[in-house]
Amino acid sequence: MEELPTQQPFPLEPISIFVDGHKLTTESGQTIRFHAQRIEAKAVFEERKVLQPNEFDLVDWRNVHATLHGTPTLFRVFACKQVFDEAATFKNLHKRKDHSVDSPTCPFCNQRDETTGHILLCPEEVRVKLLQKYSETLMEWMLDNNLPRDLVYLIIAFIQRRGEESMEDLCFQLPKEYLSYARAQDSIGWRRFMEGMVATELSVLIDNGGIIKETELEGQKIVRGLILKLLEITHGLWIFRNLMVHDAVGGIFACERKDKLREDIEEQLAMGEEGLKEEDKWLLEVTLDDLDGDTTGEREAYWVMAITAARECFRLRRNTSNRGRRHERPQRRRDIPTHTAPT
């Protein structure tokens, strides 16, 4: 049997509602829904191997919930796809047999399968520098709001180590008040921290640890601001990834398309006037742009389509003409009467 809550009904209070051991003193609908959804989410996170139940209980879900519900719908969709690895990464596209990719491997480092988690940890140099730059922006926000330098150091160093060093190890020169939060955050993990899953112990540290003295933000706003900034960093890395993959000029798909286009152009030029009607030979005189330059290759793709169509048209007409000659019936010879000599 669960322990009874420490809070008790007031005298002459006929009904009291307790949720998760806490007595409700305001509108109950939202709190009850949050508690029910939290129980359901806990089971889903365990089933999808996102967080184990003991890890799930360490996350400050009230502030995570409040932060996300203050963002646009599409941003919340991104956060959900990121956490559950449902985004269109190379691994997922390859699993779905998408024709646009032929391997699940990350196209930037070529070391591991590209997942949403790998996008945060990819060792490719530009991505590592971008994470460092984003973390410095977060540091400026924290310092601008007069957050303790120990807390700033702890969080920024944890981000920049990219999971290679625990937050507890980073606390070796910090006041002991930080240890409880650091251990809880380590249990949740670096990746989940970058996805906004901040430990409840951070709120406890801010509210009860006495580390916040001269700041214009309340403890709750600090935590929610941090959650949002972490999600924005992760979102920024994802946007950069999409630009590198899908950019019309220099993206990975564009470069692959232009490589194939270059081969097609060379093949058509090597064929010369063969298979072209006289009125289509002007296509060979068109000056094409350098595909290595700042071009999408759209004009060159139209040229390949045009000259390919011209050759195909010539081939079909020639075949039709040959077929007509083969099936033409020869003229029958008239029967020549035979004359016999009279007897």
Protein backbone atom coordinates (compact mmCIF):
# COMPACT_ATOMS: atom_id res chain seq x y z
CA MET A 1 0.00 0.00 0.00
CA GLU A 2 1.28 3.46 -0.87
CA GLU A 3 2.05 5.80 1.99
CA LEU A 4 -0.61 8.37 2.75
CA PRO A 5 0.21 11.97 1.85
CA THR A 6 1.59 14.18 4.57
CA GLN A 7 -0.95 16.88 3.79
CA GLN A 8 -4.34 16.48 5.40
CA PRO A 9 -7.79 17.90 4.60
CA PHE A 10 -8.80 21.06 6.37
CA PRO A 11 -11.51 20.84 9.01
CA LEU A 12 -14.99 20.72 7.43
CA GLU A 13 -13.37 19.98 4.04
CA PRO A 14 -15.54 17.11 2.73
CA ILE A 15 -13.42 16.19 -0.34
CA SER A 16 -9.73 16.50 -1.10
CA ILE A 17 -7.87 15.47 -4.28
CA PHE A 18 -4.29 14.23 -4.10
CA VAL A 19 -2.15 13.63 -7.18
CA ASP A 20 1.26 12.00 -6.79
CA GLY A 21 1.15 12.67 -3.07
CA HIS A 22 0.36 16.37 -3.41
CA LYS A 23 -2.92 17.96 -2.49
CA LEU A 24 -4.59 19.96 -5.23
CA THR A 25 -5.59 23.45 -4.18
CA THR A 26 -6.31 24.91 -7.62
CA GLU A 27 -8.06 23.75 -10.81
CA SER A 28 -7.55 20.00 -10.94
CA GLY A 29 -8.10 19.07 -14.59
CA GLN A 30 -4.72 20.11 -15.94
CA THR A 31 -2.81 18.53 -13.05
CA ILE A 32 -4.66 15.22 -13.37
CA ARG A 33 -4.10 15.12 -17.13
CA PHE A 34 -0.39 15.88 -16.69
CA HIS A 35 -0.01 13.10 -14.12
CA ALA A 36 -1.86 10.57 -16.30
CA GLN A 37 0.18 11.50 -19.38
CA ARG A 38 3.37 11.31 -17.35
CA ILE A 39 2.58 7.71 -16.38
CA GLU A 40 1.87 6.83 -20.01
CA ALA A 41 5.03 8.59 -21.22
CA LYS A 42 7.13 6.70 -18.67
CA ALA A 43 5.99 3.38 -20.13
CA VAL A 44 6.60 4.57 -23.71
CA PHE A 45 10.09 5.86 -22.89
CA GLU A 46 10.99 2.51 -21.36
CA GLU A 47 9.53 0.56 -24.30
CA ARG A 48 11.36 2.71 -26.86
CA LYS A 49 14.58 2.53 -24.79
CA VAL A 50 14.79 6.29 -24.39
CA LEU A 51 14.99 6.31 -20.58
CA GLN A 52 14.66 3.65 -17.93
CA PRO A 53 12.00 4.28 -15.23
CA ASN A 54 14.54 5.38 -12.62
CA GLU A 55 16.12 7.78 -15.15
CA PHE A 56 12.71 9.06 -16.24
CA ASP A 57 11.84 10.00 -12.65
CA LEU A 58 14.93 12.23 -12.43
CA VAL A 59 13.78 14.57 -15.24
CA ASP A 60 12.06 17.87 -14.42
CA TRP A 61 9.02 17.04 -16.55
CA ARG A 62 6.88 19.92 -15.31
CA ASN A 63 9.34 22.48 -16.61
CA VAL A 64 10.00 20.47 -19.79
CA HIS A 65 6.24 20.31 -20.41
CA ALA A 66 5.76 24.03 -19.75
CA THR A 67 8.72 24.95 -21.98
CA LEU A 68 7.58 22.88 -24.96
CA HIS A 69 4.02 24.14 -24.75
CA GLY A 70 5.35 27.66 -25.16
CA THR A 71 6.94 26.80 -28.52
CA PRO A 72 5.39 26.48 -32.02
CA THR A 73 3.80 23.17 -32.96
CA LEU A 74 6.45 22.30 -35.55
CA PHE A 75 9.19 22.81 -32.98
CA ARG A 76 7.44 20.33 -30.68
CA VAL A 77 7.19 17.89 -33.59
CA PHE A 78 10.94 18.27 -34.14
CA ALA A 79 11.64 17.58 -30.45
CA CYS A 80 9.51 14.43 -30.56
CA LYS A 81 11.23 13.14 -33.72
CA GLN A 82 14.63 13.90 -32.23
CA VAL A 83 13.98 12.02 -28.99
CA PHE A 84 12.42 8.95 -30.61
CA ASP A 85 14.76 8.91 -33.64
CA GLU A 86 11.91 9.23 -36.12
CA ALA A 87 13.44 11.94 -38.31
CA ALA A 88 14.52 11.35 -41.92
CA THR A 89 18.10 10.36 -41.14
CA PHE A 90 20.10 8.20 -43.53
CA LYS A 91 19.54 5.17 -41.30
CA ASN A 92 15.77 5.60 -41.31
CA LEU A 93 15.64 6.35 -45.04
CA HIS A 94 17.75 3.28 -45.78
CA LYS A 95 15.52 1.17 -43.54
CA ARG A 96 12.49 2.38 -45.51
CA LYS A 97 14.30 1.53 -48.78
CA ASP A 98 14.22 5.15 -49.90
CA HIS A 99 15.85 5.43 -53.33
CA SER A 100 17.66 8.66 -52.38
CA VAL A 101 20.19 6.90 -50.12
CA ASP A 102 22.17 3.71 -50.65
CA SER A 103 23.72 3.44 -47.19
CA PRO A 104 22.70 4.17 -43.57
CA THR A 105 26.16 5.58 -42.83
CA CYS A 106 26.61 9.23 -41.88
CA PRO A 107 27.74 11.03 -45.07
CA PHE A 108 29.92 13.46 -43.11
CA CYS A 109 32.12 11.19 -40.96
CA ASN A 110 31.51 7.81 -42.69
CA GLN A 111 32.02 6.12 -39.33
CA ARG A 112 28.58 5.34 -37.89
CA ASP A 113 24.98 5.07 -39.00
CA GLU A 114 23.32 8.48 -39.13
CA THR A 115 20.69 8.70 -36.37
CA THR A 116 19.31 11.70 -34.52
CA GLY A 117 21.65 10.87 -31.67
CA HIS A 118 24.65 10.69 -33.99
CA ILE A 119 23.89 14.16 -35.37
CA LEU A 120 24.74 15.50 -31.88
CA LEU A 121 27.91 13.42 -31.58
CA CYS A 122 29.24 13.35 -35.15
CA PRO A 123 33.04 13.90 -35.02
CA GLU A 124 33.09 15.81 -38.33
CA GLU A 125 35.15 18.96 -37.70
CA VAL A 126 32.61 21.58 -38.79
CA ARG A 127 29.90 20.06 -36.62
CA VAL A 128 32.16 19.97 -33.58
CA LYS A 129 33.03 23.64 -34.07
CA LEU A 130 29.36 24.52 -34.53
CA LEU A 131 28.47 22.88 -31.21
CA GLN A 132 31.24 24.85 -29.53
CA LYS A 133 29.89 28.07 -31.04
CA TYR A 134 26.34 27.32 -29.90
CA SER A 135 27.55 26.52 -26.40
CA GLU A 136 29.35 29.86 -26.25
CA THR A 137 26.07 31.59 -27.15
CA LEU A 138 24.40 29.75 -24.26
CA MET A 139 27.24 30.84 -21.97
CA GLU A 140 26.65 34.48 -22.93
CA TRP A 141 22.94 34.10 -22.09
CA MET A 142 23.77 32.63 -18.69
CA LEU A 143 26.31 35.33 -17.87
CA ASP A 144 23.99 38.09 -19.07
CA ASN A 145 21.45 36.85 -16.51
CA ASN A 146 24.05 36.85 -13.72
CA LEU A 147 23.98 33.09 -13.16
CA PRO A 148 26.76 31.77 -10.91
CA ARG A 149 30.00 31.21 -12.76
CA ASP A 150 30.33 27.75 -11.21
CA LEU A 151 27.00 26.73 -12.74
CA VAL A 152 27.93 28.32 -16.06
CA TYR A 153 31.24 26.45 -16.12
CA LEU A 154 29.60 23.14 -15.17
CA ILE A 155 26.93 23.24 -17.88
CA ILE A 156 29.10 24.64 -20.68
CA ALA A 157 31.98 22.25 -19.96
CA PHE A 158 29.53 19.34 -19.89
CA ILE A 159 28.16 20.32 -23.30
CA GLN A 160 31.57 20.85 -24.88
CA ARG A 161 32.94 17.50 -23.62
CA ARG A 162 30.19 15.85 -25.72
CA GLY A 163 29.60 13.04 -23.25
CA GLU A 164 33.27 12.11 -22.91
CA GLU A 165 33.44 13.39 -19.32
CA SER A 166 30.74 13.09 -16.68
CA MET A 167 29.26 16.13 -14.98
CA GLU A 168 30.25 14.65 -11.62
CA ASP A 169 33.91 14.59 -12.69
CA LEU A 170 33.61 18.24 -13.72
CA CYS A 171 32.54 19.08 -10.17
CA PHE A 172 35.89 18.22 -8.58
CA GLN A 173 36.68 21.90 -7.81
CA LEU A 174 33.10 23.10 -7.30
CA PRO A 175 31.11 23.39 -4.06
CA LYS A 176 29.59 20.12 -2.86
CA GLU A 177 26.07 21.52 -3.44
CA TYR A 178 26.51 20.77 -7.15
CA LEU A 179 27.18 17.04 -6.73
CA SER A 180 23.59 15.91 -6.31
CA TYR A 181 22.52 17.69 -9.50
CA ALA A 182 25.57 16.44 -11.42
CA ARG A 183 24.92 12.81 -10.51
CA ALA A 184 21.28 13.05 -11.48
CA GLN A 185 22.15 14.64 -14.83
CA ASP A 186 24.76 11.97 -15.50
CA SER A 187 22.11 9.30 -14.93
CA ILE A 188 19.87 10.95 -17.54
CA GLY A 189 22.77 11.20 -19.97
CA TRP A 190 24.45 13.77 -22.20
CA ARG A 191 22.27 13.19 -25.26
CA ARG A 192 19.01 13.53 -23.32
CA PHE A 193 20.37 16.65 -21.64
CA MET A 194 20.91 18.17 -25.09
CA GLU A 195 17.29 17.24 -25.87
CA GLY A 196 16.09 19.36 -22.95
CA MET A 197 15.79 16.68 -20.26
CA VAL A 198 17.18 18.62 -17.33
CA ALA A 199 17.27 16.95 -13.93
CA THR A 200 14.83 18.12 -11.24
CA GLU A 201 17.86 18.49 -8.97
CA LEU A 202 18.77 21.66 -10.85
CA SER A 203 15.60 23.36 -9.61
CA VAL A 204 16.36 22.09 -6.11
CA LEU A 205 19.90 23.46 -6.38
CA ILE A 206 18.65 26.86 -7.53
CA ASP A 207 15.77 27.15 -5.05
CA ASN A 208 17.39 25.65 -1.97
CA GLY A 209 21.13 25.67 -2.64
CA GLY A 210 21.54 29.40 -2.35
CA ILE A 211 23.59 29.63 -5.54
CA ILE A 212 21.31 32.24 -7.15
CA LYS A 213 21.69 35.65 -5.57
CA GLU A 214 21.91 38.49 -8.06
CA THR A 215 19.80 37.54 -11.05
CA GLU A 216 16.75 39.07 -12.63
CA LEU A 217 15.30 35.63 -13.44
CA GLU A 218 13.41 33.41 -11.03
CA GLY A 219 14.57 29.84 -10.55
CA GLN A 220 11.75 28.43 -12.66
CA LYS A 221 12.48 30.82 -15.53
CA ILE A 222 16.17 29.91 -15.40
CA VAL A 223 15.41 26.21 -15.77
CA ARG A 224 12.89 26.75 -18.56
CA GLY A 225 15.23 29.12 -20.34
CA LEU A 226 18.01 26.53 -20.17
CA ILE A 227 15.72 23.78 -21.51
CA LEU A 228 14.75 25.97 -24.45
CA LYS A 229 18.36 26.95 -25.20
CA LEU A 230 19.44 23.30 -25.20
CA LEU A 231 16.67 22.37 -27.61
CA GLU A 232 17.62 25.30 -29.83
CA ILE A 233 21.23 24.05 -29.98
CA THR A 234 20.05 20.60 -31.01
CA HIS A 235 17.66 22.12 -33.53
CA GLY A 236 20.47 24.27 -34.93
CA LEU A 237 22.65 21.20 -35.50
CA TRP A 238 19.76 19.51 -37.28
CA ILE A 239 19.15 22.55 -39.51
CA PHE A 240 22.86 22.62 -40.41
CA ARG A 241 22.70 18.93 -41.28
CA ASN A 242 19.71 19.51 -43.56
CA LEU A 243 21.45 22.37 -45.33
CA MET A 244 24.51 20.23 -45.94
CA VAL A 245 22.37 17.40 -47.31
CA HIS A 246 19.62 19.21 -49.20
CA ASP A 247 21.14 22.51 -50.37
CA ALA A 248 20.34 22.93 -54.06
CA VAL A 249 23.91 23.91 -54.99
CA GLY A 250 26.35 22.37 -52.53
CA GLY A 251 24.28 19.78 -50.68
CA ILE A 252 25.17 16.09 -50.72
CA PHE A 253 22.17 15.14 -52.85
CA ALA A 254 22.86 18.05 -55.22
CA CYS A 255 26.51 17.01 -55.64
CA GLU A 256 25.50 13.41 -56.35
CA ARG A 257 22.95 14.64 -58.88
CA LYS A 258 25.53 16.88 -60.58
CA ASP A 259 28.04 14.01 -60.73
CA LYS A 260 25.48 11.89 -62.55
CA LEU A 261 24.59 14.87 -64.75
CA ARG A 262 28.25 15.38 -65.66
CA GLU A 263 28.49 11.75 -66.78
CA ASP A 264 25.36 12.12 -68.92
CA ILE A 265 26.72 15.29 -70.57
CA GLU A 266 30.04 13.63 -71.39
CA GLU A 267 28.22 10.64 -72.86
CA GLN A 268 26.02 12.82 -75.08
CA LEU A 269 28.98 14.88 -76.31
CA ALA A 270 30.92 11.72 -77.09
CA MET A 271 28.06 10.47 -79.29
CA GLY A 272 28.30 13.60 -81.42
CA GLU A 273 25.85 13.99 -84.30
CA GLU A 274 24.98 10.32 -84.31
CA GLY A 275 21.25 9.79 -83.99
CA LEU A 276 20.31 13.45 -84.44
CA LYS A 277 18.22 14.99 -87.18
CA GLU A 278 19.73 17.91 -89.05
CA GLU A 279 17.47 20.44 -87.31
CA ASP A 280 18.51 19.12 -83.85
CA LYS A 281 22.28 19.29 -84.31
CA TRP A 282 22.35 22.83 -82.93
CA LEU A 283 22.06 21.28 -79.46
CA LEU A 284 25.72 20.29 -79.70
CA GLU A 285 26.69 23.96 -80.05
CA VAL A 286 25.14 25.06 -76.73
CA THR A 287 27.67 26.33 -74.17
CA LEU A 288 27.16 24.60 -70.80
CA ASP A 289 28.13 25.98 -67.40
CA ASP A 290 30.80 24.43 -65.19
CA LEU A 291 28.93 22.16 -62.76
CA ASP A 292 31.65 22.68 -60.16
CA GLY A 293 30.63 26.32 -59.87
CA ASP A 294 27.72 28.04 -58.13
CA THR A 295 24.96 26.39 -60.11
CA THR A 296 22.12 23.98 -59.43
CA GLY A 297 22.66 22.29 -62.81
CA GLU A 298 19.05 22.90 -63.80
CA ARG A 299 19.95 24.34 -67.23
CA GLU A 300 22.31 21.46 -67.95
CA ALA A 301 19.68 18.92 -66.89
CA TYR A 302 17.23 20.44 -69.39
CA TRP A 303 19.91 20.16 -72.11
CA VAL A 304 20.43 16.47 -71.37
CA MET A 305 16.67 15.88 -71.46
CA ALA A 306 16.35 17.77 -74.77
CA ILE A 307 19.17 16.02 -76.61
CA THR A 308 18.13 12.62 -75.24
CA ALA A 309 14.58 13.25 -76.46
CA ALA A 310 15.88 14.35 -79.89
CA ARG A 311 17.90 11.13 -80.28
CA GLU A 312 14.95 9.03 -79.13
CA CYS A 313 12.64 10.78 -81.59
CA PHE A 314 15.07 10.10 -84.43
CA ARG A 315 15.33 6.44 -83.42
CA LEU A 316 11.55 5.95 -83.26
CA ARG A 317 10.97 7.58 -86.64
CA ARG A 318 13.66 5.48 -88.24
CA ASN A 319 12.25 2.28 -86.76
CA THR A 320 8.75 3.23 -87.88
CA SER A 321 9.98 3.89 -91.40
CA ASN A 322 11.86 0.59 -91.56
CA ARG A 323 8.88 -1.32 -90.22
CA GLY A 324 6.63 0.23 -92.87
CA ARG A 325 8.93 -0.90 -95.67
CA ARG A 326 9.10 -4.42 -94.31
CA HIS A 327 5.33 -4.80 -94.17
CA GLU A 328 4.65 -3.27 -97.60
CA ARG A 329 2.94 -5.94 -99.74
CA PRO A 330 4.68 -6.59 -103.13
CA GLN A 331 2.58 -5.97 -106.28
CA ARG A 332 1.09 -9.18 -107.65
CA ARG A 333 2.10 -10.12 -111.10
CA ARG A 334 -0.79 -10.35 -113.58
CA ASP A 335 -1.57 -13.80 -114.81
CA ILE A 336 -0.16 -14.12 -118.29
CA PRO A 337 -2.54 -16.06 -120.55
CA THR A 338 -1.03 -19.00 -122.24
CA HIS A 339 -1.78 -19.62 -125.93
CA THR A 340 -1.75 -23.05 -127.32
CA ALA A 341 -1.30 -23.86 -130.95
CA PRO A 342 -4.51 -24.90 -132.72
CA THR A 343 -4.77 -28.47 -133.52
